[in-house]
Amino acid sequence: MSLLTQREVYQEIETAQSESRKVAVATIVTTSGSTPQRTGAKLIVFDDGRMRGTVGGGCVEADVWAEAREAISENKSRLCRFTLRDDPDVPPDEEGMVCGGEMEVFIEVWGSD
């Protein structure tokens, strides 16, 4: 997956709206500690489950995808917080995870009902 330009994001939204489809745009709005992507990275999730862009890959991207699918289903935007560790009570250097940081992702739903 690659980072999307603003133009690509808005083109995808416009295409989805012209087809009367819903789409969720997930944007990293804050990060702390080590994270796989920086603030502003975007993942677009379509109502059929396809996705484009990236918020970091791996488990966190799967979690963002699942939240985006739920947001589309409920037609409700949301702010989600993700901890990039299996156990938030164990320091990342003891757990062995590569990242160990945290990030907030705003998931905005676009499209018709």
PDB file of N, CA and C in Angstrom:
ATOM      1  N   MET A   1       0.835  -1.176   0.000  1.00  0.00           N
ATOM      2  CA  MET A   1       0.000   0.000   0.000  1.00  0.00           C
ATOM      3  C   MET A   1       0.887   1.249   0.000  1.00  0.00           C
ATOM      4  N   SER A   2       0.389   2.290  -0.609  1.00  0.00           N
ATOM      5  CA  SER A   2       1.167   3.528  -0.662  1.00  0.00           C
ATOM      6  C   SER A   2       0.351   4.692  -0.123  1.00  0.00           C
ATOM      7  N   LEU A   3       1.064   5.760   0.206  1.00  0.00           N
ATOM      8  CA  LEU A   3       0.400   6.960   0.694  1.00  0.00           C
ATOM      9  C   LEU A   3      -0.385   7.603  -0.433  1.00  0.00           C
ATOM     10  N   LEU A   4      -1.514   8.189  -0.087  1.00  0.00           N
ATOM     11  CA  LEU A   4      -2.374   8.842  -1.068  1.00  0.00           C
ATOM     12  C   LEU A   4      -2.153  10.349  -1.053  1.00  0.00           C
ATOM     13  N   THR A   5      -2.265  10.951  -2.218  1.00  0.00           N
ATOM     14  CA  THR A   5      -2.251  12.410  -2.293  1.00  0.00           C
ATOM     15  C   THR A   5      -3.653  12.917  -1.962  1.00  0.00           C
ATOM     16  N   GLN A   6      -3.742  14.182  -1.604  1.00  0.00           N
ATOM     17  CA  GLN A   6      -5.051  14.789  -1.340  1.00  0.00           C
ATOM     18  C   GLN A   6      -5.943  14.656  -2.570  1.00  0.00           C
ATOM     19  N   ARG A   7      -5.366  14.875  -3.730  1.00  0.00           N
ATOM     20  CA  ARG A   7      -6.133  14.772  -4.977  1.00  0.00           C
ATOM     21  C   ARG A   7      -6.734  13.370  -5.136  1.00  0.00           C
ATOM     22  N   GLU A   8      -5.946  12.339  -4.857  1.00  0.00           N
ATOM     23  CA  GLU A   8      -6.446  10.963  -4.971  1.00  0.00           C
ATOM     24  C   GLU A   8      -7.568  10.695  -3.977  1.00  0.00           C
ATOM     25  N   VAL A   9      -7.427  11.211  -2.774  1.00  0.00           N
ATOM     26  CA  VAL A   9      -8.473  11.027  -1.760  1.00  0.00           C
ATOM     27  C   VAL A   9      -9.791  11.617  -2.245  1.00  0.00           C
ATOM     28  N   TYR A  10      -9.742  12.860  -2.698  1.00  0.00           N
ATOM     29  CA  TYR A  10     -10.978  13.518  -3.133  1.00  0.00           C
ATOM     30  C   TYR A  10     -11.534  12.914  -4.421  1.00  0.00           C
ATOM     31  N   GLN A  11     -10.678  12.405  -5.285  1.00  0.00           N
ATOM     32  CA  GLN A  11     -11.167  11.714  -6.483  1.00  0.00           C
ATOM     33  C   GLN A  11     -11.931  10.450  -6.099  1.00  0.00           C
ATOM     34  N   GLU A  12     -11.418   9.714  -5.119  1.00  0.00           N
ATOM     35  CA  GLU A  12     -12.101   8.492  -4.668  1.00  0.00           C
ATOM     36  C   GLU A  12     -13.446   8.828  -4.033  1.00  0.00           C
ATOM     37  N   ILE A  13     -13.490   9.889  -3.232  1.00  0.00           N
ATOM     38  CA  ILE A  13     -14.759  10.314  -2.617  1.00  0.00           C
ATOM     39  C   ILE A  13     -15.753  10.708  -3.700  1.00  0.00           C
ATOM     40  N   GLU A  14     -15.293  11.495  -4.666  1.00  0.00           N
ATOM     41  CA  GLU A  14     -16.169  11.943  -5.752  1.00  0.00           C
ATOM     42  C   GLU A  14     -16.706  10.762  -6.555  1.00  0.00           C
ATOM     43  N   THR A  15     -15.845   9.807  -6.858  1.00  0.00           N
ATOM     44  CA  THR A  15     -16.281   8.617  -7.611  1.00  0.00           C
ATOM     45  C   THR A  15     -17.319   7.837  -6.821  1.00  0.00           C
ATOM     46  N   ALA A  16     -17.064   7.630  -5.530  1.00  0.00           N
ATOM     47  CA  ALA A  16     -18.025   6.896  -4.694  1.00  0.00           C
ATOM     48  C   ALA A  16     -19.370   7.610  -4.648  1.00  0.00           C
ATOM     49  N   GLN A  17     -19.342   8.928  -4.490  1.00  0.00           N
ATOM     50  CA  GLN A  17     -20.597   9.680  -4.441  1.00  0.00           C
ATOM     51  C   GLN A  17     -21.337   9.615  -5.764  1.00  0.00           C
ATOM     52  N   SER A  18     -20.612   9.660  -6.880  1.00  0.00           N
ATOM     53  CA  SER A  18     -21.275   9.595  -8.187  1.00  0.00           C
ATOM     54  C   SER A  18     -21.911   8.228  -8.418  1.00  0.00           C
ATOM     55  N   GLU A  19     -21.419   7.204  -7.718  1.00  0.00           N
ATOM     56  CA  GLU A  19     -21.975   5.850  -7.823  1.00  0.00           C
ATOM     57  C   GLU A  19     -22.940   5.538  -6.677  1.00  0.00           C
ATOM     58  N   SER A  20     -23.275   6.557  -5.882  1.00  0.00           N
ATOM     59  CA  SER A  20     -24.163   6.402  -4.720  1.00  0.00           C
ATOM     60  C   SER A  20     -23.669   5.327  -3.764  1.00  0.00           C
ATOM     61  N   ARG A  21     -22.362   5.330  -3.532  1.00  0.00           N
ATOM     62  CA  ARG A  21     -21.745   4.369  -2.619  1.00  0.00           C
ATOM     63  C   ARG A  21     -21.140   5.111  -1.441  1.00  0.00           C
ATOM     64  N   LYS A  22     -21.012   4.402  -0.334  1.00  0.00           N
ATOM     65  CA  LYS A  22     -20.366   4.976   0.845  1.00  0.00           C
ATOM     66  C   LYS A  22     -18.878   4.639   0.829  1.00  0.00           C
ATOM     67  N   VAL A  23     -18.125   5.531   1.442  1.00  0.00           N
ATOM     68  CA  VAL A  23     -16.695   5.340   1.590  1.00  0.00           C
ATOM     69  C   VAL A  23     -16.293   5.974   2.918  1.00  0.00           C
ATOM     70  N   ALA A  24     -15.319   5.377   3.586  1.00  0.00           N
ATOM     71  CA  ALA A  24     -14.785   5.946   4.822  1.00  0.00           C
ATOM     72  C   ALA A  24     -13.344   6.354   4.577  1.00  0.00           C
ATOM     73  N   VAL A  25     -13.003   7.539   5.049  1.00  0.00           N
ATOM     74  CA  VAL A  25     -11.631   8.019   4.956  1.00  0.00           C
ATOM     75  C   VAL A  25     -11.069   8.049   6.373  1.00  0.00           C
ATOM     76  N   ALA A  26     -10.071   7.197   6.615  1.00  0.00           N
ATOM     77  CA  ALA A  26      -9.420   7.122   7.923  1.00  0.00           C
ATOM     78  C   ALA A  26      -8.118   7.916   7.858  1.00  0.00           C
ATOM     79  N   THR A  27      -7.972   8.885   8.756  1.00  0.00           N
ATOM     80  CA  THR A  27      -6.806   9.763   8.770  1.00  0.00           C
ATOM     81  C   THR A  27      -6.145   9.725  10.139  1.00  0.00           C
ATOM     82  N   ILE A  28      -4.841   9.504  10.173  1.00  0.00           N
ATOM     83  CA  ILE A  28      -4.111   9.566  11.435  1.00  0.00           C
ATOM     84  C   ILE A  28      -4.062  11.029  11.859  1.00  0.00           C
ATOM     85  N   VAL A  29      -4.613  11.330  13.049  1.00  0.00           N
ATOM     86  CA  VAL A  29      -4.653  12.718  13.510  1.00  0.00           C
ATOM     87  C   VAL A  29      -3.657  13.003  14.619  1.00  0.00           C
ATOM     88  N   THR A  30      -3.280  12.018  15.408  1.00  0.00           N
ATOM     89  CA  THR A  30      -2.229  12.190  16.406  1.00  0.00           C
ATOM     90  C   THR A  30      -1.437  10.901  16.536  1.00  0.00           C
ATOM     91  N   THR A  31      -0.175  11.052  16.896  1.00  0.00           N
ATOM     92  CA  THR A  31       0.665   9.888  17.192  1.00  0.00           C
ATOM     93  C   THR A  31       1.501  10.205  18.421  1.00  0.00           C
ATOM     94  N   SER A  32       1.869   9.157  19.144  1.00  0.00           N
ATOM     95  CA  SER A  32       2.840   9.287  20.223  1.00  0.00           C
ATOM     96  C   SER A  32       3.678   8.021  20.231  1.00  0.00           C
ATOM     97  N   GLY A  33       4.932   8.177  20.547  1.00  0.00           N
ATOM     98  CA  GLY A  33       5.833   7.033  20.504  1.00  0.00           C
ATOM     99  C   GLY A  33       6.089   6.617  19.067  1.00  0.00           C
ATOM    100  N   SER A  34       6.500   5.393  18.892  1.00  0.00           N
ATOM    101  CA  SER A  34       6.833   4.881  17.571  1.00  0.00           C
ATOM    102  C   SER A  34       5.586   4.339  16.873  1.00  0.00           C
ATOM    103  N   THR A  35       5.313   4.840  15.669  1.00  0.00           N
ATOM    104  CA  THR A  35       4.170   4.393  14.865  1.00  0.00           C
ATOM    105  C   THR A  35       4.632   4.150  13.436  1.00  0.00           C
ATOM    106  N   PRO A  36       3.939   3.280  12.697  1.00  0.00           N
ATOM    107  CA  PRO A  36       4.385   2.954  11.342  1.00  0.00           C
ATOM    108  C   PRO A  36       4.132   4.042  10.307  1.00  0.00           C
ATOM    109  N   GLN A  37       3.259   4.984  10.606  1.00  0.00           N
ATOM    110  CA  GLN A  37       2.984   6.091   9.686  1.00  0.00           C
ATOM    111  C   GLN A  37       2.883   7.386  10.471  1.00  0.00           C
ATOM    112  N   ARG A  38       2.977   8.473   9.757  1.00  0.00           N
ATOM    113  CA  ARG A  38       2.928   9.795  10.389  1.00  0.00           C
ATOM    114  C   ARG A  38       1.509  10.376  10.351  1.00  0.00           C
ATOM    115  N   THR A  39       1.339  11.444  11.092  1.00  0.00           N
ATOM    116  CA  THR A  39       0.072  12.171  11.089  1.00  0.00           C
ATOM    117  C   THR A  39      -0.263  12.592   9.661  1.00  0.00           C
ATOM    118  N   GLY A  40      -1.524  12.418   9.288  1.00  0.00           N
ATOM    119  CA  GLY A  40      -1.980  12.794   7.950  1.00  0.00           C
ATOM    120  C   GLY A  40      -2.107  11.631   6.989  1.00  0.00           C
ATOM    121  N   ALA A  41      -1.477  10.495   7.299  1.00  0.00           N
ATOM    122  CA  ALA A  41      -1.604   9.325   6.415  1.00  0.00           C
ATOM    123  C   ALA A  41      -3.064   8.885   6.377  1.00  0.00           C
ATOM    124  N   LYS A  42      -3.508   8.421   5.206  1.00  0.00           N
ATOM    125  CA  LYS A  42      -4.917   8.098   5.012  1.00  0.00           C
ATOM    126  C   LYS A  42      -5.116   6.693   4.440  1.00  0.00           C
ATOM    127  N   LEU A  43      -6.198   6.079   4.872  1.00  0.00           N
ATOM    128  CA  LEU A  43      -6.661   4.810   4.327  1.00  0.00           C
ATOM    129  C   LEU A  43      -8.113   5.015   3.930  1.00  0.00           C
ATOM    130  N   ILE A  44      -8.434   4.706   2.682  1.00  0.00           N
ATOM    131  CA  ILE A  44      -9.821   4.781   2.217  1.00  0.00           C
ATOM    132  C   ILE A  44     -10.381   3.370   2.232  1.00  0.00           C
ATOM    133  N   VAL A  45     -11.543   3.220   2.848  1.00  0.00           N
ATOM    134  CA  VAL A  45     -12.228   1.932   2.895  1.00  0.00           C
ATOM    135  C   VAL A  45     -13.563   2.094   2.189  1.00  0.00           C
ATOM    136  N   PHE A  46     -13.803   1.239   1.209  1.00  0.00           N
ATOM    137  CA  PHE A  46     -15.024   1.297   0.420  1.00  0.00           C
ATOM    138  C   PHE A  46     -16.086   0.395   1.029  1.00  0.00           C
ATOM    139  N   ASP A  47     -17.352   0.651   0.702  1.00  0.00           N
ATOM    140  CA  ASP A  47     -18.448  -0.119   1.287  1.00  0.00           C
ATOM    141  C   ASP A  47     -18.427  -1.594   0.898  1.00  0.00           C
ATOM    142  N   ASP A  48     -17.654  -1.964  -0.121  1.00  0.00           N
ATOM    143  CA  ASP A  48     -17.540  -3.382  -0.488  1.00  0.00           C
ATOM    144  C   ASP A  48     -16.315  -4.043   0.161  1.00  0.00           C
ATOM    145  N   GLY A  49     -15.604  -3.294   1.023  1.00  0.00           N
ATOM    146  CA  GLY A  49     -14.465  -3.846   1.743  1.00  0.00           C
ATOM    147  C   GLY A  49     -13.107  -3.549   1.140  1.00  0.00           C
ATOM    148  N   ARG A  50     -13.095  -3.085  -0.108  1.00  0.00           N
ATOM    149  CA  ARG A  50     -11.805  -2.732  -0.718  1.00  0.00           C
ATOM    150  C   ARG A  50     -11.192  -1.579   0.048  1.00  0.00           C
ATOM    151  N   MET A  51      -9.877  -1.433  -0.092  1.00  0.00           N
ATOM    152  CA  MET A  51      -9.229  -0.295   0.540  1.00  0.00           C
ATOM    153  C   MET A  51      -8.104   0.219  -0.337  1.00  0.00           C
ATOM    154  N   ARG A  52      -7.740   1.462  -0.077  1.00  0.00           N
ATOM    155  CA  ARG A  52      -6.680   2.114  -0.832  1.00  0.00           C
ATOM    156  C   ARG A  52      -5.934   3.041   0.120  1.00  0.00           C
ATOM    157  N   GLY A  53      -4.624   3.099   0.010  1.00  0.00           N
ATOM    158  CA  GLY A  53      -3.806   3.904   0.897  1.00  0.00           C
ATOM    159  C   GLY A  53      -3.293   3.064   2.050  1.00  0.00           C
ATOM    160  N   THR A  54      -2.776   3.729   3.091  1.00  0.00           N
ATOM    161  CA  THR A  54      -2.256   2.999   4.242  1.00  0.00           C
ATOM    162  C   THR A  54      -2.176   3.891   5.480  1.00  0.00           C
ATOM    163  N   VAL A  55      -2.386   3.275   6.616  1.00  0.00           N
ATOM    164  CA  VAL A  55      -2.127   3.928   7.896  1.00  0.00           C
ATOM    165  C   VAL A  55      -1.049   3.145   8.652  1.00  0.00           C
ATOM    166  N   GLY A  56      -0.373   2.258   7.945  1.00  0.00           N
ATOM    167  CA  GLY A  56       0.745   1.576   8.575  1.00  0.00           C
ATOM    168  C   GLY A  56       0.858   0.091   8.329  1.00  0.00           C
ATOM    169  N   GLY A  57      -0.176  -0.530   7.826  1.00  0.00           N
ATOM    170  CA  GLY A  57      -0.098  -1.961   7.555  1.00  0.00           C
ATOM    171  C   GLY A  57      -0.295  -2.813   8.801  1.00  0.00           C
ATOM    172  N   GLY A  58      -0.211  -4.107   8.609  1.00  0.00           N
ATOM    173  CA  GLY A  58      -0.274  -5.062   9.704  1.00  0.00           C
ATOM    174  C   GLY A  58      -1.556  -5.015  10.508  1.00  0.00           C
ATOM    175  N   CYS A  59      -1.394  -5.314  11.795  1.00  0.00           N
ATOM    176  CA  CYS A  59      -2.548  -5.422  12.692  1.00  0.00           C
ATOM    177  C   CYS A  59      -3.303  -4.111  12.837  1.00  0.00           C
ATOM    178  N   VAL A  60      -2.574  -2.990  12.941  1.00  0.00           N
ATOM    179  CA  VAL A  60      -3.270  -1.713  13.136  1.00  0.00           C
ATOM    180  C   VAL A  60      -4.116  -1.373  11.911  1.00  0.00           C
ATOM    181  N   GLU A  61      -3.618  -1.686  10.724  1.00  0.00           N
ATOM    182  CA  GLU A  61      -4.402  -1.400   9.525  1.00  0.00           C
ATOM    183  C   GLU A  61      -5.655  -2.272   9.487  1.00  0.00           C
ATOM    184  N   ALA A  62      -5.537  -3.512   9.921  1.00  0.00           N
ATOM    185  CA  ALA A  62      -6.712  -4.386   9.989  1.00  0.00           C
ATOM    186  C   ALA A  62      -7.733  -3.847  10.986  1.00  0.00           C
ATOM    187  N   ASP A  63      -7.253  -3.319  12.104  1.00  0.00           N
ATOM    188  CA  ASP A  63      -8.167  -2.744  13.109  1.00  0.00           C
ATOM    189  C   ASP A  63      -8.844  -1.484  12.578  1.00  0.00           C
ATOM    190  N   VAL A  64      -8.085  -0.635  11.890  1.00  0.00           N
ATOM    191  CA  VAL A  64      -8.667   0.580  11.299  1.00  0.00           C
ATOM    192  C   VAL A  64      -9.702   0.191  10.246  1.00  0.00           C
ATOM    193  N   TRP A  65      -9.377  -0.793   9.407  1.00  0.00           N
ATOM    194  CA  TRP A  65     -10.299  -1.281   8.371  1.00  0.00           C
ATOM    195  C   TRP A  65     -11.613  -1.735   9.023  1.00  0.00           C
ATOM    196  N   ALA A  66     -11.515  -2.509  10.110  1.00  0.00           N
ATOM    197  CA  ALA A  66     -12.719  -3.016  10.780  1.00  0.00           C
ATOM    198  C   ALA A  66     -13.553  -1.861  11.358  1.00  0.00           C
ATOM    199  N   GLU A  67     -12.898  -0.879  11.962  1.00  0.00           N
ATOM    200  CA  GLU A  67     -13.617   0.284  12.495  1.00  0.00           C
ATOM    201  C   GLU A  67     -14.278   1.070  11.362  1.00  0.00           C
ATOM    202  N   ALA A  68     -13.582   1.197  10.238  1.00  0.00           N
ATOM    203  CA  ALA A  68     -14.135   1.928   9.087  1.00  0.00           C
ATOM    204  C   ALA A  68     -15.356   1.204   8.528  1.00  0.00           C
ATOM    205  N   ARG A  69     -15.290  -0.114   8.450  1.00  0.00           N
ATOM    206  CA  ARG A  69     -16.441  -0.891   7.960  1.00  0.00           C
ATOM    207  C   ARG A  69     -17.642  -0.702   8.881  1.00  0.00           C
ATOM    208  N   GLU A  70     -17.384  -0.682  10.193  1.00  0.00           N
ATOM    209  CA  GLU A  70     -18.467  -0.469  11.149  1.00  0.00           C
ATOM    210  C   GLU A  70     -19.022   0.956  11.022  1.00  0.00           C
ATOM    211  N   ALA A  71     -18.143   1.924  10.836  1.00  0.00           N
ATOM    212  CA  ALA A  71     -18.581   3.315  10.660  1.00  0.00           C
ATOM    213  C   ALA A  71     -19.463   3.449   9.422  1.00  0.00           C
ATOM    214  N   ILE A  72     -19.075   2.782   8.344  1.00  0.00           N
ATOM    215  CA  ILE A  72     -19.884   2.805   7.115  1.00  0.00           C
ATOM    216  C   ILE A  72     -21.252   2.187   7.392  1.00  0.00           C
ATOM    217  N   SER A  73     -21.253   1.054   8.061  1.00  0.00           N
ATOM    218  CA  SER A  73     -22.502   0.355   8.365  1.00  0.00           C
ATOM    219  C   SER A  73     -23.444   1.226   9.204  1.00  0.00           C
ATOM    220  N   GLU A  74     -22.869   1.948  10.171  1.00  0.00           N
ATOM    221  CA  GLU A  74     -23.670   2.804  11.050  1.00  0.00           C
ATOM    222  C   GLU A  74     -23.877   4.204  10.475  1.00  0.00           C
ATOM    223  N   ASN A  75     -23.179   4.506   9.371  1.00  0.00           N
ATOM    224  CA  ASN A  75     -23.204   5.832   8.751  1.00  0.00           C
ATOM    225  C   ASN A  75     -22.860   6.910   9.774  1.00  0.00           C
ATOM    226  N   LYS A  76     -21.798   6.640  10.550  1.00  0.00           N
ATOM    227  CA  LYS A  76     -21.414   7.545  11.631  1.00  0.00           C
ATOM    228  C   LYS A  76     -19.897   7.629  11.726  1.00  0.00           C
ATOM    229  N   SER A  77     -19.377   8.840  11.586  1.00  0.00           N
ATOM    230  CA  SER A  77     -17.944   9.065  11.723  1.00  0.00           C
ATOM    231  C   SER A  77     -17.531   8.846  13.167  1.00  0.00           C
ATOM    232  N   ARG A  78     -16.220   8.605  13.382  1.00  0.00           N
ATOM    233  CA  ARG A  78     -15.738   8.332  14.736  1.00  0.00           C
ATOM    234  C   ARG A  78     -14.255   8.613  14.881  1.00  0.00           C
ATOM    235  N   LEU A  79     -13.837   8.819  16.115  1.00  0.00           N
ATOM    236  CA  LEU A  79     -12.431   8.976  16.448  1.00  0.00           C
ATOM    237  C   LEU A  79     -12.026   7.735  17.232  1.00  0.00           C
ATOM    238  N   CYS A  80     -10.972   7.060  16.775  1.00  0.00           N
ATOM    239  CA  CYS A  80     -10.531   5.817  17.403  1.00  0.00           C
ATOM    240  C   CYS A  80      -9.088   5.954  17.873  1.00  0.00           C
ATOM    241  N   ARG A  81      -8.767   5.307  18.969  1.00  0.00           N
ATOM    242  CA  ARG A  81      -7.408   5.288  19.507  1.00  0.00           C
ATOM    243  C   ARG A  81      -6.872   3.858  19.404  1.00  0.00           C
ATOM    244  N   PHE A  82      -5.655   3.733  18.894  1.00  0.00           N
ATOM    245  CA  PHE A  82      -5.033   2.424  18.726  1.00  0.00           C
ATOM    246  C   PHE A  82      -3.696   2.376  19.454  1.00  0.00           C
ATOM    247  N   THR A  83      -3.518   1.347  20.265  1.00  0.00           N
ATOM    248  CA  THR A  83      -2.262   1.103  20.951  1.00  0.00           C
ATOM    249  C   THR A  83      -1.535   0.013  20.179  1.00  0.00           C
ATOM    250  N   LEU A  84      -0.324   0.288  19.767  1.00  0.00           N
ATOM    251  CA  LEU A  84       0.419  -0.638  18.909  1.00  0.00           C
ATOM    252  C   LEU A  84       1.250  -1.614  19.728  1.00  0.00           C
ATOM    253  N   ARG A  85       0.558  -2.224  20.706  1.00  0.00           N
ATOM    254  CA  ARG A  85       1.159  -3.266  21.537  1.00  0.00           C
ATOM    255  C   ARG A  85       0.073  -4.287  21.832  1.00  0.00           C
ATOM    256  N   ASP A  86       0.461  -5.524  22.033  1.00  0.00           N
ATOM    257  CA  ASP A  86      -0.511  -6.543  22.418  1.00  0.00           C
ATOM    258  C   ASP A  86      -1.045  -6.291  23.820  1.00  0.00           C
ATOM    259  N   ASP A  87      -0.158  -5.885  24.721  1.00  0.00           N
ATOM    260  CA  ASP A  87      -0.539  -5.649  26.108  1.00  0.00           C
ATOM    261  C   ASP A  87      -0.073  -4.261  26.506  1.00  0.00           C
ATOM    262  N   PRO A  88      -0.999  -3.286  26.614  1.00  0.00           N
ATOM    263  CA  PRO A  88      -0.601  -1.908  26.913  1.00  0.00           C
ATOM    264  C   PRO A  88       0.092  -1.742  28.262  1.00  0.00           C
ATOM    265  N   ASP A  89      -0.017  -2.742  29.145  1.00  0.00           N
ATOM    266  CA  ASP A  89       0.618  -2.651  30.455  1.00  0.00           C
ATOM    267  C   ASP A  89       2.074  -3.113  30.444  1.00  0.00           C
ATOM    268  N   VAL A  90       2.514  -3.708  29.327  1.00  0.00           N
ATOM    269  CA  VAL A  90       3.891  -4.174  29.208  1.00  0.00           C
ATOM    270  C   VAL A  90       4.651  -3.206  28.308  1.00  0.00           C
ATOM    271  N   PRO A  91       5.794  -2.691  28.772  1.00  0.00           N
ATOM    272  CA  PRO A  91       6.571  -1.779  27.923  1.00  0.00           C
ATOM    273  C   PRO A  91       6.957  -2.438  26.601  1.00  0.00           C
ATOM    274  N   PRO A  92       6.966  -1.672  25.491  1.00  0.00           N
ATOM    275  CA  PRO A  92       7.226  -2.258  24.179  1.00  0.00           C
ATOM    276  C   PRO A  92       8.577  -2.962  24.077  1.00  0.00           C
ATOM    277  N   ASP A  93       9.596  -2.469  24.796  1.00  0.00           N
ATOM    278  CA  ASP A  93      10.909  -3.121  24.711  1.00  0.00           C
ATOM    279  C   ASP A  93      10.902  -4.496  25.370  1.00  0.00           C
ATOM    280  N   GLU A  94       9.974  -4.737  26.284  1.00  0.00           N
ATOM    281  CA  GLU A  94       9.864  -6.046  26.918  1.00  0.00           C
ATOM    282  C   GLU A  94       8.957  -6.981  26.126  1.00  0.00           C
ATOM    283  N   GLU A  95       8.046  -6.409  25.346  1.00  0.00           N
ATOM    284  CA  GLU A  95       7.086  -7.218  24.596  1.00  0.00           C
ATOM    285  C   GLU A  95       7.674  -7.734  23.293  1.00  0.00           C
ATOM    286  N   GLY A  96       8.547  -6.938  22.689  1.00  0.00           N
ATOM    287  CA  GLY A  96       9.153  -7.355  21.425  1.00  0.00           C
ATOM    288  C   GLY A  96       8.460  -6.793  20.198  1.00  0.00           C
ATOM    289  N   MET A  97       7.417  -5.963  20.376  1.00  0.00           N
ATOM    290  CA  MET A  97       6.743  -5.357  19.231  1.00  0.00           C
ATOM    291  C   MET A  97       7.654  -4.291  18.621  1.00  0.00           C
ATOM    292  N   VAL A  98       7.545  -4.102  17.317  1.00  0.00           N
ATOM    293  CA  VAL A  98       8.402  -3.149  16.620  1.00  0.00           C
ATOM    294  C   VAL A  98       8.023  -1.711  16.955  1.00  0.00           C
ATOM    295  N   CYS A  99       6.736  -1.380  16.950  1.00  0.00           N
ATOM    296  CA  CYS A  99       6.313   0.012  17.130  1.00  0.00           C
ATOM    297  C   CYS A  99       6.147   0.375  18.598  1.00  0.00           C
ATOM    298  N   GLY A 100       5.064  -0.032  19.197  1.00  0.00           N
ATOM    299  CA  GLY A 100       4.829   0.242  20.598  1.00  0.00           C
ATOM    300  C   GLY A 100       4.177   1.575  20.908  1.00  0.00           C
ATOM    301  N   GLY A 101       3.932   2.430  19.915  1.00  0.00           N
ATOM    302  CA  GLY A 101       3.337   3.738  20.142  1.00  0.00           C
ATOM    303  C   GLY A 101       1.821   3.685  20.167  1.00  0.00           C
ATOM    304  N   GLU A 102       1.242   4.864  20.052  1.00  0.00           N
ATOM    305  CA  GLU A 102      -0.214   4.995  20.001  1.00  0.00           C
ATOM    306  C   GLU A 102      -0.568   5.987  18.918  1.00  0.00           C
ATOM    307  N   MET A 103      -1.764   5.830  18.364  1.00  0.00           N
ATOM    308  CA  MET A 103      -2.239   6.801  17.379  1.00  0.00           C
ATOM    309  C   MET A 103      -3.749   6.919  17.448  1.00  0.00           C
ATOM    310  N   GLU A 104      -4.212   8.128  17.122  1.00  0.00           N
ATOM    311  CA  GLU A 104      -5.640   8.370  16.989  1.00  0.00           C
ATOM    312  C   GLU A 104      -5.939   8.508  15.509  1.00  0.00           C
ATOM    313  N   VAL A 105      -7.051   7.904  15.111  1.00  0.00           N
ATOM    314  CA  VAL A 105      -7.456   7.922  13.708  1.00  0.00           C
ATOM    315  C   VAL A 105      -8.900   8.408  13.639  1.00  0.00           C
ATOM    316  N   PHE A 106      -9.117   9.463  12.845  1.00  0.00           N
ATOM    317  CA  PHE A 106     -10.470   9.951  12.612  1.00  0.00           C
ATOM    318  C   PHE A 106     -10.996   9.257  11.361  1.00  0.00           C
ATOM    319  N   ILE A 107     -12.154   8.629  11.485  1.00  0.00           N
ATOM    320  CA  ILE A 107     -12.783   7.917  10.377  1.00  0.00           C
ATOM    321  C   ILE A 107     -14.033   8.686   9.988  1.00  0.00           C
ATOM    322  N   GLU A 108     -13.995   9.238   8.780  1.00  0.00           N
ATOM    323  CA  GLU A 108     -15.089  10.069   8.280  1.00  0.00           C
ATOM    324  C   GLU A 108     -15.829   9.323   7.177  1.00  0.00           C
ATOM    325  N   VAL A 109     -17.146   9.222   7.330  1.00  0.00           N
ATOM    326  CA  VAL A 109     -17.972   8.511   6.358  1.00  0.00           C
ATOM    327  C   VAL A 109     -18.528   9.493   5.334  1.00  0.00           C
ATOM    328  N   TRP A 110     -18.388   9.150   4.071  1.00  0.00           N
ATOM    329  CA  TRP A 110     -18.909   9.942   2.956  1.00  0.00           C
ATOM    330  C   TRP A 110     -19.869   9.072   2.158  1.00  0.00           C
ATOM    331  N   GLY A 111     -20.921   9.664   1.632  1.00  0.00           N
ATOM    332  CA  GLY A 111     -21.799   8.950   0.716  1.00  0.00           C
ATOM    333  C   GLY A 111     -23.239   8.932   1.149  1.00  0.00           C
ATOM    334  N   SER A 112     -24.030   8.269   0.338  1.00  0.00           N
ATOM    335  CA  SER A 112     -25.482   8.255   0.542  1.00  0.00           C
ATOM    336  C   SER A 112     -25.891   7.142   1.488  1.00  0.00           C
ATOM    337  N   ASP A 113     -27.139   7.220   1.960  1.00  0.00           N
ATOM    338  CA  ASP A 113     -27.690   6.181   2.839  1.00  0.00           C
ATOM    339  C   ASP A 113     -28.126   4.982   2.057  1.00  0.00           C
TER     340      ASP A 113
END
